[in-house]
C-alpha atoms as a PDB file:
ATOM      1  CA  UNK A   1      49.631 -50.965 104.761  1.00  0.00           C
ATOM      2  CA  UNK A   2      53.185 -51.869 105.723  1.00  0.00           C
ATOM      3  CA  UNK A   3      53.886 -54.523 108.373  1.00  0.00           C
ATOM      4  CA  UNK A   4      57.275 -54.144 110.082  1.00  0.00           C
ATOM      5  CA  UNK A   5      58.989 -55.881 112.990  1.00  0.00           C
ATOM      6  CA  UNK A   6      58.047 -52.814 115.067  1.00  0.00           C
ATOM      7  CA  UNK A   7      54.390 -52.762 114.071  1.00  0.00           C
ATOM      8  CA  UNK A   8      52.113 -51.509 111.339  1.00  0.00           C
ATOM      9  CA  UNK A   9      52.436 -48.309 109.339  1.00  0.00           C
ATOM     10  CA  UNK A  10      49.469 -46.886 107.443  1.00  0.00           C
ATOM     11  CA  UNK A  11      49.921 -44.720 104.401  1.00  0.00           C
ATOM     12  CA  UNK A  12      46.924 -42.760 105.682  1.00  0.00           C
ATOM     13  CA  UNK A  13      44.484 -43.740 102.983  1.00  0.00           C
ATOM     14  CA  UNK A  14      40.910 -43.877 104.218  1.00  0.00           C
ATOM     15  CA  UNK A  15      40.813 -47.652 103.710  1.00  0.00           C
ATOM     16  CA  UNK A  16      44.018 -48.250 105.688  1.00  0.00           C
ATOM     17  CA  UNK A  17      43.000 -45.934 108.518  1.00  0.00           C
ATOM     18  CA  UNK A  18      39.658 -47.735 108.801  1.00  0.00           C
ATOM     19  CA  UNK A  19      41.522 -51.056 108.908  1.00  0.00           C
ATOM     20  CA  UNK A  20      43.692 -49.750 111.773  1.00  0.00           C
ATOM     21  CA  UNK A  21      40.559 -48.517 113.564  1.00  0.00           C
ATOM     22  CA  UNK A  22      38.944 -51.955 113.225  1.00  0.00           C
ATOM     23  CA  UNK A  23      42.117 -53.707 114.421  1.00  0.00           C
ATOM     24  CA  UNK A  24      42.258 -51.432 117.460  1.00  0.00           C
ATOM     25  CA  UNK A  25      38.617 -52.022 118.345  1.00  0.00           C
ATOM     26  CA  UNK A  26      39.034 -55.825 118.409  1.00  0.00           C
ATOM     27  CA  UNK A  27      42.316 -55.726 120.321  1.00  0.00           C
ATOM     28  CA  UNK A  28      44.624 -56.727 117.457  1.00  0.00           C
ATOM     29  CA  UNK A  29      46.537 -53.463 117.655  1.00  0.00           C
ATOM     30  CA  UNK A  30      47.692 -51.487 120.680  1.00  0.00           C
ATOM     31  CA  UNK A  31      48.236 -47.766 120.304  1.00  0.00           C
ATOM     32  CA  UNK A  32      51.051 -46.088 122.219  1.00  0.00           C
ATOM     33  CA  UNK A  33      50.588 -42.348 122.690  1.00  0.00           C
ATOM     34  CA  UNK A  34      53.476 -40.290 124.022  1.00  0.00           C
ATOM     35  CA  UNK A  35      51.617 -36.994 124.405  1.00  0.00           C
ATOM     36  CA  UNK A  36      48.465 -35.179 123.331  1.00  0.00           C
ATOM     37  CA  UNK A  37      48.840 -31.515 122.395  1.00  0.00           C
ATOM     38  CA  UNK A  38      46.150 -28.935 121.665  1.00  0.00           C
ATOM     39  CA  UNK A  39      46.285 -27.557 118.133  1.00  0.00           C
ATOM     40  CA  UNK A  40      47.608 -24.283 119.554  1.00  0.00           C
ATOM     41  CA  UNK A  41      50.780 -26.176 120.553  1.00  0.00           C
ATOM     42  CA  UNK A  42      51.334 -27.756 117.125  1.00  0.00           C
ATOM     43  CA  UNK A  43      54.835 -26.260 116.839  1.00  0.00           C
ATOM     44  CA  UNK A  44      55.821 -27.770 120.195  1.00  0.00           C
ATOM     45  CA  UNK A  45      54.369 -31.133 119.122  1.00  0.00           C
ATOM     46  CA  UNK A  46      56.341 -31.001 115.888  1.00  0.00           C
ATOM     47  CA  UNK A  47      59.490 -30.224 117.872  1.00  0.00           C
ATOM     48  CA  UNK A  48      58.885 -33.288 120.047  1.00  0.00           C
ATOM     49  CA  UNK A  49      58.676 -35.455 116.926  1.00  0.00           C
ATOM     50  CA  UNK A  50      61.804 -33.915 115.412  1.00  0.00           C
ATOM     51  CA  UNK A  51      63.930 -34.548 118.525  1.00  0.00           C
ATOM     52  CA  UNK A  52      62.972 -38.246 118.464  1.00  0.00           C
ATOM     53  CA  UNK A  53      62.537 -38.200 122.254  1.00  0.00           C
ATOM     54  CA  UNK A  54      59.030 -39.625 122.038  1.00  0.00           C
ATOM     55  CA  UNK A  55      58.068 -43.140 123.034  1.00  0.00           C
ATOM     56  CA  UNK A  56      54.867 -43.296 120.991  1.00  0.00           C
ATOM     57  CA  UNK A  57      52.617 -41.260 118.759  1.00  0.00           C
ATOM     58  CA  UNK A  58      52.164 -37.533 119.129  1.00  0.00           C
ATOM     59  CA  UNK A  59      48.500 -36.547 118.881  1.00  0.00           C
ATOM     60  CA  UNK A  60      47.088 -33.130 118.010  1.00  0.00           C
ATOM     61  CA  UNK A  61      43.669 -32.662 119.595  1.00  0.00           C
ATOM     62  CA  UNK A  62      41.311 -30.723 117.357  1.00  0.00           C
ATOM     63  CA  UNK A  63      38.261 -29.139 118.973  1.00  0.00           C
ATOM     64  CA  UNK A  64      34.951 -28.773 117.193  1.00  0.00           C
ATOM     65  CA  UNK A  65      35.544 -25.016 117.030  1.00  0.00           C
ATOM     66  CA  UNK A  66      38.907 -25.547 115.297  1.00  0.00           C
ATOM     67  CA  UNK A  67      37.280 -27.920 112.822  1.00  0.00           C
ATOM     68  CA  UNK A  68      34.754 -25.219 111.997  1.00  0.00           C
ATOM     69  CA  UNK A  69      37.549 -22.642 111.605  1.00  0.00           C
ATOM     70  CA  UNK A  70      39.276 -24.841 109.006  1.00  0.00           C
ATOM     71  CA  UNK A  71      36.253 -24.885 106.725  1.00  0.00           C
ATOM     72  CA  UNK A  72      36.292 -21.110 106.215  1.00  0.00           C
END
């Protein structure tokens, strides 16, 4: 995990993501979400990240049906 003057960056290992989850649950970390996009709008979400117009994280919402589709 990397601590910066702007916050914390996880390398997305399971251990680091669980640490971020725990920090969030006890109020040690505040998440800032710019927008939530459905998976069908992934290209639009990527475009939002690329333009650097966002003020927080971009989240892709994955439905249970989409999770099932990925396993096939």
